[in-house]
Every structure is written in C-alpha cells, then in structure tokens.
Amino acid sequence: MLIGEVARRSGVSARMLRHYESLGLVRPSDRTDAGYREYSSADIERIFHIESLRSLGLSLHEVKRALDDPGFAPSELVEDLTRRTLQRIAAETELLARLQRIEAAEPTGWEEVLQVVALLQALDSESAGKRQRAALTAVDEAPVPVATLVESVLGESDPNVAGALRWALAQSGDRALALLAKGLRSPDAEVRERAVQSIAEFPDGTATALLQGALAHQDVAVRRRAAPVLAGRGVTEAVPTLVDMVVDGANDVDAADALSTLAHGAAGADRIAAALVDRLARTRTDQAGRRRLTQALADVPGATAARALAELAQDADRAVALTAAYVLELRDGR
C-alpha cells in the first residue's frame, strides 16, 4: 500500500508518516519499481500501535522505546503518565477557577482585570500579612467575587486574616450566606466552624435563621459557636446549648454571660433560672459542673434564682455552698 493510501486509511498525514520514518518509528517494508514507499500489513499495524500510544500522552521517543524494547515494562510508564495527567488536570483546574473568579468580578477594562488578579494572588499568598491586607482592601479597591472571599475564609487558619475576611464578607450582603451555609455541611470540622463564625458576622434575619438551624447541627462545635451569638440576638432557643456549655466547661464563661443577657431580656429571668436549676438537679454527680451552674446563677436576677442559691448555700459540696452563699451576700448588698 502506497503512502497516500496509508494516510487516507490511518488518518496520519503523509508528512507525519515521513517524520515517523526519519525517527525510525516505522519504515515501509518495500519500495515500488518507481521508488515509492510501500507499506505492508505489519507496517500499518505498527502505525496504529504508534497512534494508540500517542493518544495516551506518550512522546514519540517513549513510543519508540515501548515498541522496540523487549524488556520494556508498561506499568511504570503508565504510572508516570497518570501522575503527569493528574498534575496537568490540577493546573488546568486552577487556571479555570482563576478565570471564573475574574469573570465573576465583571471587570470593565484591563486595569480592573489586573487589580482583581493582584488581589487574587495576594489572597493565595503564603504571607499572612499579604492575605490580611488583601482582605481589608477587597471591598474598595477591586470587586473580588463573593465566592472567592467565602473560599478564602473557609480555608483560612490564621485568626487575624480570618477576621479580616469575615469583615469583608459581612460587607457583601446576603449573597455570601448561601455559600457559607454549604460550608456548614462540609465533612471538614474546621471548615464547618469557620462557616458558622462567618455567618455570625451578619446581623440580619437570614443569618439568624441559619444560626438557629445550626443549633440542631450534629457537630457540637457548630452548636456552641452559634448559641452565644443567638443569645445576643434574644433567641431563647439557644438556652439548652448554653446550659450544656456551662456544665461541660466549654467556653462556660461566655455561655454564662449569654444566659445572663437572655435573663435580662426577652427570655426572662425565671425561665433561665429554671433551666439552670433543672440541670443542677440532673447533674448531681458532676461536682465541677454543679459549681459552674451555681456561678452562672449569680448573674440571673429574680426570685427563682435567689431561692435556688439559698438552697445551694446548704449544699453538701462545700465549694458549691460557699459560692452560693457569697453570691447571695452580693445580691443582698445590691
């Protein structure tokens, strides 16, 4: 079969077939009387083998080695090809994400494109200082997409940078809340906690509703991040979580302060005192927990708290009794 016919049937151009010949990849088995290349069935089969290996990403040098070396082990080469392909996919994916971020910023000219690129690079910097400055300038200097800020805050471990990113997000309005809500469903515990912290920066009803939903989250850290914020907004559903925090000694001082805030507000002192007294009755064997509950009663006004403290002043646990007696003296003094 002459070279033109081989090119038509194989889809490999005559020019490429000549290139293969120059590299020693495939040589026509014969020549016609007129000196034209003539390919045998074995030659054509080798061409198809070459094209198959090239489709896997092998270089022509690797193809020749694979076909000509009897001791060639394909597994090592396939493993290397897999690694290189994954690297290429990762690089292309990163480029696509960067382009999508720039597109989402809707730049009107090259100057804005360059501003967005500079900010994106700063947000990806290894320097915490650069990331923080980028977060603080993201609101005014360039329209960084909300999705980019959310991605950054959910992946940020430095507390100062995270604080700046949360502030920047809070300026963006409700657009970020849907993305942050997805963060609450992340399999990564740190991402979930960062998401609830970020939602807490938003003062409106949508954020409050998300935080109320977080009280039922299976992750106790998420519940405990949401509860004190909700207490500051007068949401009484936070009370059980706050009481649990006091008992367990998990940020118990802030939890007690939050209960005091609710006691002086919409929830009412008697309701908060009743919740603490009920837990005291169910926490008889946890001495440290009972002491913290007694201390939490100190900042709850009203008759219910006073009666509970009077009883606790006679408690068998001397530390509880002394704490209750001291608090009662302070209350009487007031």
C-alpha atoms as a PDB file:
ATOM      1  CA  MET A   1       0.000   0.000   0.000  1.00  0.00           C
ATOM      2  CA  LEU A   2       1.446   3.372  -1.017  1.00  0.00           C
ATOM      3  CA  ILE A   3       1.900   6.242   1.393  1.00  0.00           C
ATOM      4  CA  GLY A   4      -1.110   8.228   0.128  1.00  0.00           C
ATOM      5  CA  GLU A   5      -3.476   5.301   0.646  1.00  0.00           C
ATOM      6  CA  VAL A   6      -1.990   4.603   4.108  1.00  0.00           C
ATOM      7  CA  ALA A   7      -2.520   8.246   5.052  1.00  0.00           C
ATOM      8  CA  ARG A   8      -6.176   8.121   3.983  1.00  0.00           C
ATOM      9  CA  ARG A   9      -6.903   4.891   5.841  1.00  0.00           C
ATOM     10  CA  SER A  10      -4.959   5.610   9.024  1.00  0.00           C
ATOM     11  CA  GLY A  11      -5.712   9.306   9.388  1.00  0.00           C
ATOM     12  CA  VAL A  12      -1.974  10.003   9.727  1.00  0.00           C
ATOM     13  CA  SER A  13      -0.742  12.538   7.208  1.00  0.00           C
ATOM     14  CA  ALA A  14       1.910  11.595   4.662  1.00  0.00           C
ATOM     15  CA  ARG A  15       4.144  14.255   6.167  1.00  0.00           C
ATOM     16  CA  MET A  16       3.832  12.661   9.647  1.00  0.00           C
ATOM     17  CA  LEU A  17       4.492   9.201   8.173  1.00  0.00           C
ATOM     18  CA  ARG A  18       7.733  10.515   6.688  1.00  0.00           C
ATOM     19  CA  HIS A  19       8.575  12.022  10.109  1.00  0.00           C
ATOM     20  CA  TYR A  20       7.952   8.647  11.743  1.00  0.00           C
ATOM     21  CA  GLU A  21      10.303   7.090   9.203  1.00  0.00           C
ATOM     22  CA  SER A  22      13.025   9.656   9.935  1.00  0.00           C
ATOM     23  CA  LEU A  23      12.790   8.791  13.637  1.00  0.00           C
ATOM     24  CA  GLY A  24      12.946   5.065  12.967  1.00  0.00           C
ATOM     25  CA  LEU A  25       9.443   4.506  14.325  1.00  0.00           C
ATOM     26  CA  VAL A  26       8.102   2.796  11.219  1.00  0.00           C
ATOM     27  CA  ARG A  27       9.773   2.111   7.892  1.00  0.00           C
ATOM     28  CA  PRO A  28       7.947   0.907   4.793  1.00  0.00           C
ATOM     29  CA  SER A  29       8.875  -2.698   4.167  1.00  0.00           C
ATOM     30  CA  ASP A  30       9.374  -2.241   0.457  1.00  0.00           C
ATOM     31  CA  ARG A  31       9.669   0.146  -2.467  1.00  0.00           C
ATOM     32  CA  THR A  32       7.951   0.011  -5.816  1.00  0.00           C
ATOM     33  CA  ASP A  33       9.948  -0.171  -9.047  1.00  0.00           C
ATOM     34  CA  ALA A  34       9.443   3.591  -9.287  1.00  0.00           C
ATOM     35  CA  GLY A  35      10.920   4.058  -5.793  1.00  0.00           C
ATOM     36  CA  TYR A  36       7.675   4.846  -3.948  1.00  0.00           C
ATOM     37  CA  ARG A  37       7.259   3.723  -0.338  1.00  0.00           C
ATOM     38  CA  GLU A  38       5.138   0.610   0.028  1.00  0.00           C
ATOM     39  CA  TYR A  39       3.727  -0.361   3.405  1.00  0.00           C
ATOM     40  CA  SER A  40       2.897  -3.909   4.419  1.00  0.00           C
ATOM     41  CA  SER A  41       0.051  -5.002   6.709  1.00  0.00           C
ATOM     42  CA  ALA A  42       2.581  -5.255   9.577  1.00  0.00           C
ATOM     43  CA  ASP A  43       3.734  -1.680   8.881  1.00  0.00           C
ATOM     44  CA  ILE A  44       0.143  -0.400   9.014  1.00  0.00           C
ATOM     45  CA  GLU A  45      -0.478  -2.323  12.235  1.00  0.00           C
ATOM     46  CA  ARG A  46       2.607  -0.665  13.756  1.00  0.00           C
ATOM     47  CA  ILE A  47       1.276   2.766  12.703  1.00  0.00           C
ATOM     48  CA  PHE A  48      -1.959   2.068  14.557  1.00  0.00           C
ATOM     49  CA  HIS A  49       0.063   0.981  17.613  1.00  0.00           C
ATOM     50  CA  ILE A  50       2.017   4.240  17.453  1.00  0.00           C
ATOM     51  CA  GLU A  51      -1.173   6.307  17.288  1.00  0.00           C
ATOM     52  CA  SER A  52      -2.725   4.372  20.172  1.00  0.00           C
ATOM     53  CA  LEU A  53       0.272   5.018  22.413  1.00  0.00           C
ATOM     54  CA  ARG A  54       0.399   8.683  21.396  1.00  0.00           C
ATOM     55  CA  SER A  55      -3.264   9.017  22.410  1.00  0.00           C
ATOM     56  CA  LEU A  56      -2.185   8.106  25.961  1.00  0.00           C
ATOM     57  CA  GLY A  57       0.163  11.075  26.031  1.00  0.00           C
ATOM     58  CA  LEU A  58       3.454   9.324  25.262  1.00  0.00           C
ATOM     59  CA  SER A  59       6.140  11.247  23.439  1.00  0.00           C
ATOM     60  CA  LEU A  60       7.443   9.776  20.182  1.00  0.00           C
ATOM     61  CA  HIS A  61      10.651   8.813  22.000  1.00  0.00           C
ATOM     62  CA  GLU A  62       8.605   6.916  24.604  1.00  0.00           C
ATOM     63  CA  VAL A  63       6.527   5.278  21.859  1.00  0.00           C
ATOM     64  CA  LYS A  64       9.673   4.008  20.111  1.00  0.00           C
ATOM     65  CA  ARG A  65      11.049   2.662  23.373  1.00  0.00           C
ATOM     66  CA  ALA A  66       7.750   0.944  24.177  1.00  0.00           C
ATOM     67  CA  LEU A  67       7.590  -0.761  20.771  1.00  0.00           C
ATOM     68  CA  ASP A  68      11.256  -1.679  20.304  1.00  0.00           C
ATOM     69  CA  ASP A  69      12.467  -2.620  23.801  1.00  0.00           C
ATOM     70  CA  PRO A  70      11.581  -6.284  24.539  1.00  0.00           C
ATOM     71  CA  GLY A  71      12.182  -5.730  28.250  1.00  0.00           C
ATOM     72  CA  PHE A  72      10.022  -2.633  28.472  1.00  0.00           C
ATOM     73  CA  ALA A  73       7.605  -2.714  31.443  1.00  0.00           C
ATOM     74  CA  PRO A  74       4.478  -0.678  30.666  1.00  0.00           C
ATOM     75  CA  SER A  75       3.270  -0.401  34.270  1.00  0.00           C
ATOM     76  CA  GLU A  76       5.972   2.109  35.253  1.00  0.00           C
ATOM     77  CA  LEU A  77       5.287   4.266  32.206  1.00  0.00           C
ATOM     78  CA  VAL A  78       1.517   4.158  32.744  1.00  0.00           C
ATOM     79  CA  GLU A  79       2.027   5.173  36.366  1.00  0.00           C
ATOM     80  CA  ASP A  80       4.193   8.107  35.269  1.00  0.00           C
ATOM     81  CA  LEU A  81       1.609   9.117  32.644  1.00  0.00           C
ATOM     82  CA  THR A  82      -1.127   9.016  35.264  1.00  0.00           C
ATOM     83  CA  ARG A  83       0.873  11.271  37.578  1.00  0.00           C
ATOM     84  CA  ARG A  84       1.624  13.770  34.808  1.00  0.00           C
ATOM     85  CA  THR A  85      -2.005  13.791  33.692  1.00  0.00           C
ATOM     86  CA  LEU A  86      -3.216  14.483  37.218  1.00  0.00           C
ATOM     87  CA  GLN A  87      -0.742  17.344  37.511  1.00  0.00           C
ATOM     88  CA  ARG A  88      -1.938  18.770  34.208  1.00  0.00           C
ATOM     89  CA  ILE A  89      -5.585  18.467  35.249  1.00  0.00           C
ATOM     90  CA  ALA A  90      -4.838  20.197  38.556  1.00  0.00           C
ATOM     91  CA  ALA A  91      -3.072  23.041  36.781  1.00  0.00           C
ATOM     92  CA  GLU A  92      -5.894  23.425  34.258  1.00  0.00           C
ATOM     93  CA  THR A  93      -8.495  23.307  37.038  1.00  0.00           C
ATOM     94  CA  GLU A  94      -6.658  26.005  38.950  1.00  0.00           C
ATOM     95  CA  LEU A  95      -6.472  28.159  35.831  1.00  0.00           C
ATOM     96  CA  LEU A  96     -10.181  27.642  35.159  1.00  0.00           C
ATOM     97  CA  ALA A  97     -11.056  28.633  38.732  1.00  0.00           C
ATOM     98  CA  ARG A  98      -8.929  31.764  38.441  1.00  0.00           C
ATOM     99  CA  LEU A  99     -10.569  32.742  35.153  1.00  0.00           C
ATOM    100  CA  GLN A 100     -14.022  32.153  36.615  1.00  0.00           C
ATOM    101  CA  ARG A 101     -13.176  34.361  39.593  1.00  0.00           C
ATOM    102  CA  ILE A 102     -12.064  37.153  37.286  1.00  0.00           C
ATOM    103  CA  GLU A 103     -15.162  36.688  35.122  1.00  0.00           C
ATOM    104  CA  ALA A 104     -17.413  36.849  38.209  1.00  0.00           C
ATOM    105  CA  ALA A 105     -15.857  40.202  39.142  1.00  0.00           C
ATOM    106  CA  GLU A 106     -17.201  41.588  35.844  1.00  0.00           C
ATOM    107  CA  PRO A 107     -14.215  43.831  35.116  1.00  0.00           C
ATOM    108  CA  THR A 108     -14.867  46.590  32.592  1.00  0.00           C
ATOM    109  CA  GLY A 109     -11.284  47.080  31.446  1.00  0.00           C
ATOM    110  CA  TRP A 110      -7.776  45.670  31.656  1.00  0.00           C
ATOM    111  CA  GLU A 111      -6.944  47.869  34.637  1.00  0.00           C
ATOM    112  CA  GLU A 112      -9.710  46.221  36.662  1.00  0.00           C
ATOM    113  CA  VAL A 113      -8.645  42.781  35.431  1.00  0.00           C
ATOM    114  CA  LEU A 114      -5.112  43.429  36.680  1.00  0.00           C
ATOM    115  CA  GLN A 115      -6.455  44.708  40.025  1.00  0.00           C
ATOM    116  CA  VAL A 116      -8.517  41.563  40.501  1.00  0.00           C
ATOM    117  CA  VAL A 117      -5.590  39.332  39.523  1.00  0.00           C
ATOM    118  CA  ALA A 118      -3.315  41.126  42.007  1.00  0.00           C
ATOM    119  CA  LEU A 119      -5.854  40.705  44.814  1.00  0.00           C
ATOM    120  CA  LEU A 120      -6.420  37.043  43.993  1.00  0.00           C
ATOM    121  CA  GLN A 121      -2.674  36.444  44.084  1.00  0.00           C
ATOM    122  CA  ALA A 122      -2.444  38.234  47.430  1.00  0.00           C
ATOM    123  CA  LEU A 123      -5.285  36.128  48.861  1.00  0.00           C
ATOM    124  CA  ASP A 124      -3.357  32.998  47.798  1.00  0.00           C
ATOM    125  CA  SER A 125      -0.063  34.297  49.216  1.00  0.00           C
ATOM    126  CA  GLU A 126       1.901  32.300  51.787  1.00  0.00           C
ATOM    127  CA  SER A 127       2.288  35.539  53.761  1.00  0.00           C
ATOM    128  CA  ALA A 128      -0.471  36.045  56.335  1.00  0.00           C
ATOM    129  CA  GLY A 129       0.181  39.786  56.239  1.00  0.00           C
ATOM    130  CA  LYS A 130      -0.416  39.941  52.485  1.00  0.00           C
ATOM    131  CA  ARG A 131      -3.602  37.893  52.809  1.00  0.00           C
ATOM    132  CA  GLN A 132      -4.878  40.168  55.558  1.00  0.00           C
ATOM    133  CA  ARG A 133      -4.160  43.340  53.555  1.00  0.00           C
ATOM    134  CA  ALA A 134      -5.877  41.820  50.540  1.00  0.00           C
ATOM    135  CA  ALA A 135      -8.959  41.014  52.617  1.00  0.00           C
ATOM    136  CA  LEU A 136      -9.130  44.542  54.018  1.00  0.00           C
ATOM    137  CA  THR A 137      -8.819  46.112  50.571  1.00  0.00           C
ATOM    138  CA  ALA A 138     -11.096  43.643  48.771  1.00  0.00           C
ATOM    139  CA  VAL A 139     -14.192  45.729  49.447  1.00  0.00           C
ATOM    140  CA  ASP A 140     -12.992  49.036  47.993  1.00  0.00           C
ATOM    141  CA  GLU A 141     -10.070  48.505  45.625  1.00  0.00           C
ATOM    142  CA  ALA A 142     -11.376  45.749  43.362  1.00  0.00           C
ATOM    143  CA  PRO A 143     -14.642  43.814  43.100  1.00  0.00           C
ATOM    144  CA  VAL A 144     -13.404  40.456  44.357  1.00  0.00           C
ATOM    145  CA  PRO A 145     -16.169  37.860  43.815  1.00  0.00           C
ATOM    146  CA  VAL A 146     -18.049  36.823  46.944  1.00  0.00           C
ATOM    147  CA  ALA A 147     -17.387  33.150  46.146  1.00  0.00           C
ATOM    148  CA  THR A 148     -13.651  33.853  46.293  1.00  0.00           C
ATOM    149  CA  LEU A 149     -13.927  35.502  49.706  1.00  0.00           C
ATOM    150  CA  VAL A 150     -16.006  32.588  51.005  1.00  0.00           C
ATOM    151  CA  GLU A 151     -13.475  30.079  49.687  1.00  0.00           C
ATOM    152  CA  SER A 152     -10.688  32.055  51.339  1.00  0.00           C
ATOM    153  CA  VAL A 153     -12.369  32.409  54.730  1.00  0.00           C
ATOM    154  CA  LEU A 154     -13.335  28.733  54.886  1.00  0.00           C
ATOM    155  CA  GLY A 155      -9.729  27.732  54.213  1.00  0.00           C
ATOM    156  CA  GLU A 156      -8.010  30.358  56.385  1.00  0.00           C
ATOM    157  CA  SER A 157      -6.274  29.165  59.559  1.00  0.00           C
ATOM    158  CA  ASP A 158      -4.689  32.448  60.658  1.00  0.00           C
ATOM    159  CA  PRO A 159      -7.125  34.155  63.097  1.00  0.00           C
ATOM    160  CA  ASN A 160      -6.196  37.706  62.066  1.00  0.00           C
ATOM    161  CA  VAL A 161      -6.608  37.008  58.373  1.00  0.00           C
ATOM    162  CA  ALA A 162      -9.843  35.109  59.028  1.00  0.00           C
ATOM    163  CA  GLY A 163     -11.204  38.082  60.968  1.00  0.00           C
ATOM    164  CA  ALA A 164     -10.428  40.440  58.090  1.00  0.00           C
ATOM    165  CA  LEU A 165     -12.047  38.069  55.603  1.00  0.00           C
ATOM    166  CA  ARG A 166     -15.180  37.746  57.753  1.00  0.00           C
ATOM    167  CA  TRP A 167     -15.404  41.533  57.899  1.00  0.00           C
ATOM    168  CA  ALA A 168     -15.063  41.796  54.126  1.00  0.00           C
ATOM    169  CA  LEU A 169     -17.758  39.175  53.644  1.00  0.00           C
ATOM    170  CA  ALA A 170     -20.137  40.935  56.003  1.00  0.00           C
ATOM    171  CA  GLN A 171     -19.967  43.984  53.732  1.00  0.00           C
ATOM    172  CA  SER A 172     -21.171  41.931  50.753  1.00  0.00           C
ATOM    173  CA  GLY A 173     -24.720  41.353  51.974  1.00  0.00           C
ATOM    174  CA  ASP A 174     -26.769  38.189  51.795  1.00  0.00           C
ATOM    175  CA  ARG A 175     -25.029  36.856  48.669  1.00  0.00           C
ATOM    176  CA  ALA A 176     -22.403  35.115  50.774  1.00  0.00           C
ATOM    177  CA  LEU A 177     -24.798  33.397  53.173  1.00  0.00           C
ATOM    178  CA  ALA A 178     -25.898  30.648  50.796  1.00  0.00           C
ATOM    179  CA  LEU A 179     -22.263  29.715  50.159  1.00  0.00           C
ATOM    180  CA  LEU A 180     -21.435  29.817  53.862  1.00  0.00           C
ATOM    181  CA  ALA A 181     -24.439  27.586  54.556  1.00  0.00           C
ATOM    182  CA  LYS A 182     -22.835  24.977  52.284  1.00  0.00           C
ATOM    183  CA  GLY A 183     -19.740  25.267  54.460  1.00  0.00           C
ATOM    184  CA  LEU A 184     -21.800  24.098  57.424  1.00  0.00           C
ATOM    185  CA  ARG A 185     -22.304  20.807  55.568  1.00  0.00           C
ATOM    186  CA  SER A 186     -18.601  20.312  54.882  1.00  0.00           C
ATOM    187  CA  PRO A 187     -17.056  16.994  56.007  1.00  0.00           C
ATOM    188  CA  ASP A 188     -14.175  19.044  57.450  1.00  0.00           C
ATOM    189  CA  ALA A 189     -14.833  20.103  61.058  1.00  0.00           C
ATOM    190  CA  GLU A 190     -12.602  23.176  60.783  1.00  0.00           C
ATOM    191  CA  VAL A 191     -14.468  24.386  57.700  1.00  0.00           C
ATOM    192  CA  ARG A 192     -17.807  23.964  59.495  1.00  0.00           C
ATOM    193  CA  GLU A 193     -16.585  26.010  62.438  1.00  0.00           C
ATOM    194  CA  ARG A 194     -15.236  28.759  60.171  1.00  0.00           C
ATOM    195  CA  ALA A 195     -18.550  28.830  58.337  1.00  0.00           C
ATOM    196  CA  VAL A 196     -20.607  29.387  61.493  1.00  0.00           C
ATOM    197  CA  GLN A 197     -18.166  32.052  62.691  1.00  0.00           C
ATOM    198  CA  SER A 198     -18.544  33.862  59.382  1.00  0.00           C
ATOM    199  CA  ILE A 199     -22.342  33.647  59.423  1.00  0.00           C
ATOM    200  CA  ALA A 200     -22.285  35.162  62.911  1.00  0.00           C
ATOM    201  CA  GLU A 201     -20.823  38.365  61.441  1.00  0.00           C
ATOM    202  CA  PHE A 202     -24.050  39.011  59.516  1.00  0.00           C
ATOM    203  CA  PRO A 203     -26.622  40.842  61.633  1.00  0.00           C
ATOM    204  CA  ASP A 204     -29.758  40.273  59.578  1.00  0.00           C
ATOM    205  CA  GLY A 205     -32.618  37.801  59.843  1.00  0.00           C
ATOM    206  CA  THR A 206     -31.292  35.415  57.214  1.00  0.00           C
ATOM    207  CA  ALA A 207     -28.092  34.874  59.168  1.00  0.00           C
ATOM    208  CA  THR A 208     -30.038  34.488  62.410  1.00  0.00           C
ATOM    209  CA  ALA A 209     -32.186  31.805  60.802  1.00  0.00           C
ATOM    210  CA  LEU A 210     -29.082  29.936  59.670  1.00  0.00           C
ATOM    211  CA  LEU A 211     -27.645  30.130  63.177  1.00  0.00           C
ATOM    212  CA  GLN A 212     -30.904  28.836  64.634  1.00  0.00           C
ATOM    213  CA  GLY A 213     -30.666  25.886  62.264  1.00  0.00           C
ATOM    214  CA  ALA A 214     -27.080  25.369  63.438  1.00  0.00           C
ATOM    215  CA  LEU A 215     -28.381  24.681  66.968  1.00  0.00           C
ATOM    216  CA  ALA A 216     -29.550  21.297  65.660  1.00  0.00           C
ATOM    217  CA  HIS A 217     -26.264  20.558  63.880  1.00  0.00           C
ATOM    218  CA  GLN A 218     -24.689  17.194  64.645  1.00  0.00           C
ATOM    219  CA  ASP A 219     -21.348  18.939  65.248  1.00  0.00           C
ATOM    220  CA  VAL A 220     -21.300  20.171  68.839  1.00  0.00           C
ATOM    221  CA  ALA A 221     -18.666  22.790  67.970  1.00  0.00           C
ATOM    222  CA  VAL A 222     -21.052  24.359  65.456  1.00  0.00           C
ATOM    223  CA  ARG A 223     -23.868  24.437  68.022  1.00  0.00           C
ATOM    224  CA  ARG A 224     -21.614  26.037  70.596  1.00  0.00           C
ATOM    225  CA  ARG A 225     -20.418  28.690  68.155  1.00  0.00           C
ATOM    226  CA  ALA A 226     -23.986  29.615  67.240  1.00  0.00           C
ATOM    227  CA  ALA A 227     -25.579  29.680  70.713  1.00  0.00           C
ATOM    228  CA  PRO A 228     -23.820  32.734  72.292  1.00  0.00           C
ATOM    229  CA  VAL A 229     -24.395  34.777  69.121  1.00  0.00           C
ATOM    230  CA  LEU A 230     -28.078  33.893  69.134  1.00  0.00           C
ATOM    231  CA  ALA A 231     -28.356  34.811  72.811  1.00  0.00           C
ATOM    232  CA  GLY A 232     -27.080  38.274  71.942  1.00  0.00           C
ATOM    233  CA  ARG A 233     -29.931  38.491  69.436  1.00  0.00           C
ATOM    234  CA  GLY A 234     -32.519  37.456  72.015  1.00  0.00           C
ATOM    235  CA  VAL A 235     -33.111  33.961  70.607  1.00  0.00           C
ATOM    236  CA  THR A 236     -34.246  31.786  73.502  1.00  0.00           C
ATOM    237  CA  GLU A 237     -33.754  28.515  71.600  1.00  0.00           C
ATOM    238  CA  ALA A 238     -30.067  28.864  72.457  1.00  0.00           C
ATOM    239  CA  VAL A 239     -30.675  28.255  76.181  1.00  0.00           C
ATOM    240  CA  PRO A 240     -30.246  24.425  76.252  1.00  0.00           C
ATOM    241  CA  THR A 241     -26.961  24.616  74.353  1.00  0.00           C
ATOM    242  CA  LEU A 242     -25.686  27.400  76.596  1.00  0.00           C
ATOM    243  CA  VAL A 243     -26.539  25.398  79.715  1.00  0.00           C
ATOM    244  CA  ASP A 244     -24.720  22.384  78.251  1.00  0.00           C
ATOM    245  CA  MET A 245     -21.683  24.588  77.677  1.00  0.00           C
ATOM    246  CA  VAL A 246     -21.707  25.697  81.308  1.00  0.00           C
ATOM    247  CA  VAL A 247     -21.923  22.124  82.565  1.00  0.00           C
ATOM    248  CA  ASP A 248     -19.195  20.850  80.243  1.00  0.00           C
ATOM    249  CA  GLY A 249     -16.878  23.801  80.860  1.00  0.00           C
ATOM    250  CA  ALA A 250     -16.833  24.583  77.136  1.00  0.00           C
ATOM    251  CA  ASN A 251     -16.360  28.345  76.889  1.00  0.00           C
ATOM    252  CA  ASP A 252     -18.510  28.380  80.005  1.00  0.00           C
ATOM    253  CA  VAL A 253     -17.803  32.000  80.997  1.00  0.00           C
ATOM    254  CA  ASP A 254     -19.125  33.310  77.676  1.00  0.00           C
ATOM    255  CA  ALA A 255     -22.063  30.904  77.912  1.00  0.00           C
ATOM    256  CA  ALA A 256     -22.925  32.181  81.394  1.00  0.00           C
ATOM    257  CA  ASP A 257     -22.700  35.768  80.153  1.00  0.00           C
ATOM    258  CA  ALA A 258     -25.025  34.870  77.275  1.00  0.00           C
ATOM    259  CA  LEU A 259     -27.540  33.338  79.695  1.00  0.00           C
ATOM    260  CA  SER A 260     -27.373  36.499  81.799  1.00  0.00           C
ATOM    261  CA  THR A 261     -28.071  38.572  78.675  1.00  0.00           C
ATOM    262  CA  LEU A 262     -31.146  36.479  77.943  1.00  0.00           C
ATOM    263  CA  ALA A 263     -32.253  36.627  81.568  1.00  0.00           C
ATOM    264  CA  HIS A 264     -32.267  40.415  81.395  1.00  0.00           C
ATOM    265  CA  GLY A 265     -34.060  40.375  78.066  1.00  0.00           C
ATOM    266  CA  ALA A 266     -36.805  38.583  76.216  1.00  0.00           C
ATOM    267  CA  ALA A 267     -36.305  35.153  77.758  1.00  0.00           C
ATOM    268  CA  GLY A 268     -36.924  36.344  81.285  1.00  0.00           C
ATOM    269  CA  ALA A 269     -35.003  35.632  84.451  1.00  0.00           C
ATOM    270  CA  ASP A 270     -37.307  32.893  85.739  1.00  0.00           C
ATOM    271  CA  ARG A 271     -37.006  30.842  82.568  1.00  0.00           C
ATOM    272  CA  ILE A 272     -33.202  30.976  82.614  1.00  0.00           C
ATOM    273  CA  ALA A 273     -33.050  30.247  86.350  1.00  0.00           C
ATOM    274  CA  ALA A 274     -35.412  27.299  85.888  1.00  0.00           C
ATOM    275  CA  ALA A 275     -33.203  25.873  83.149  1.00  0.00           C
ATOM    276  CA  LEU A 276     -30.123  26.116  85.373  1.00  0.00           C
ATOM    277  CA  VAL A 277     -31.925  24.655  88.400  1.00  0.00           C
ATOM    278  CA  ASP A 278     -33.268  21.773  86.325  1.00  0.00           C
ATOM    279  CA  ARG A 279     -29.777  20.951  85.136  1.00  0.00           C
ATOM    280  CA  LEU A 280     -28.434  21.162  88.695  1.00  0.00           C
ATOM    281  CA  ALA A 281     -30.978  18.522  89.679  1.00  0.00           C
ATOM    282  CA  ARG A 282     -29.777  16.263  86.865  1.00  0.00           C
ATOM    283  CA  THR A 283     -26.064  16.857  87.450  1.00  0.00           C
ATOM    284  CA  ARG A 284     -25.650  15.573  90.990  1.00  0.00           C
ATOM    285  CA  THR A 285     -22.503  13.533  90.338  1.00  0.00           C
ATOM    286  CA  ASP A 286     -20.606  16.162  88.350  1.00  0.00           C
ATOM    287  CA  GLN A 287     -19.181  18.432  91.057  1.00  0.00           C
ATOM    288  CA  ALA A 288     -17.299  20.741  88.676  1.00  0.00           C
ATOM    289  CA  GLY A 289     -20.396  21.120  86.516  1.00  0.00           C
ATOM    290  CA  ARG A 290     -22.566  21.940  89.533  1.00  0.00           C
ATOM    291  CA  ARG A 291     -20.130  24.630  90.627  1.00  0.00           C
ATOM    292  CA  ARG A 292     -20.219  26.244  87.210  1.00  0.00           C
ATOM    293  CA  LEU A 293     -24.021  26.137  87.184  1.00  0.00           C
ATOM    294  CA  THR A 294     -24.055  27.832  90.595  1.00  0.00           C
ATOM    295  CA  GLN A 295     -21.744  30.550  89.312  1.00  0.00           C
ATOM    296  CA  ALA A 296     -23.993  31.026  86.276  1.00  0.00           C
ATOM    297  CA  LEU A 297     -26.967  31.655  88.603  1.00  0.00           C
ATOM    298  CA  ALA A 298     -25.090  34.581  90.112  1.00  0.00           C
ATOM    299  CA  ASP A 299     -25.946  36.907  87.205  1.00  0.00           C
ATOM    300  CA  VAL A 300     -29.556  35.801  86.865  1.00  0.00           C
ATOM    301  CA  PRO A 301     -31.944  38.179  88.649  1.00  0.00           C
ATOM    302  CA  GLY A 302     -35.289  37.265  90.204  1.00  0.00           C
ATOM    303  CA  ALA A 303     -36.843  35.169  92.921  1.00  0.00           C
ATOM    304  CA  THR A 304     -36.316  31.786  91.255  1.00  0.00           C
ATOM    305  CA  ALA A 305     -32.558  32.253  91.129  1.00  0.00           C
ATOM    306  CA  ALA A 306     -32.495  33.604  94.687  1.00  0.00           C
ATOM    307  CA  ARG A 307     -34.366  30.585  96.073  1.00  0.00           C
ATOM    308  CA  ALA A 308     -32.073  28.211  94.196  1.00  0.00           C
ATOM    309  CA  LEU A 309     -28.981  29.948  95.567  1.00  0.00           C
ATOM    310  CA  ALA A 310     -30.386  29.810  99.114  1.00  0.00           C
ATOM    311  CA  GLU A 311     -30.767  26.046  98.790  1.00  0.00           C
ATOM    312  CA  LEU A 312     -27.333  25.681  97.245  1.00  0.00           C
ATOM    313  CA  ALA A 313     -25.803  27.566 100.179  1.00  0.00           C
ATOM    314  CA  GLN A 314     -26.594  24.409 102.193  1.00  0.00           C
ATOM    315  CA  ASP A 315     -25.213  22.049  99.559  1.00  0.00           C
ATOM    316  CA  ALA A 316     -23.075  19.077 100.571  1.00  0.00           C
ATOM    317  CA  ASP A 317     -20.396  20.234  98.154  1.00  0.00           C
ATOM    318  CA  ARG A 318     -18.574  22.889 100.160  1.00  0.00           C
ATOM    319  CA  ALA A 319     -17.356  24.728  97.058  1.00  0.00           C
ATOM    320  CA  VAL A 320     -20.922  24.972  95.743  1.00  0.00           C
ATOM    321  CA  ALA A 321     -22.224  26.088  99.159  1.00  0.00           C
ATOM    322  CA  LEU A 322     -19.567  28.791  99.553  1.00  0.00           C
ATOM    323  CA  THR A 323     -20.130  30.080  96.033  1.00  0.00           C
ATOM    324  CA  ALA A 324     -23.895  30.270  96.557  1.00  0.00           C
ATOM    325  CA  ALA A 325     -23.516  31.991  99.926  1.00  0.00           C
ATOM    326  CA  TYR A 326     -21.115  34.550  98.508  1.00  0.00           C
ATOM    327  CA  VAL A 327     -23.415  35.314  95.590  1.00  0.00           C
ATOM    328  CA  LEU A 328     -26.365  35.745  97.971  1.00  0.00           C
ATOM    329  CA  GLU A 329     -24.388  38.256 100.041  1.00  0.00           C
ATOM    330  CA  LEU A 330     -23.627  40.242  96.907  1.00  0.00           C
ATOM    331  CA  ARG A 331     -27.273  40.170  95.852  1.00  0.00           C
ATOM    332  CA  ASP A 332     -28.412  41.279  99.307  1.00  0.00           C
ATOM    333  CA  GLY A 333     -25.879  44.078  99.191  1.00  0.00           C
ATOM    334  CA  ARG A 334     -27.304  45.268  95.910  1.00  0.00           C
END
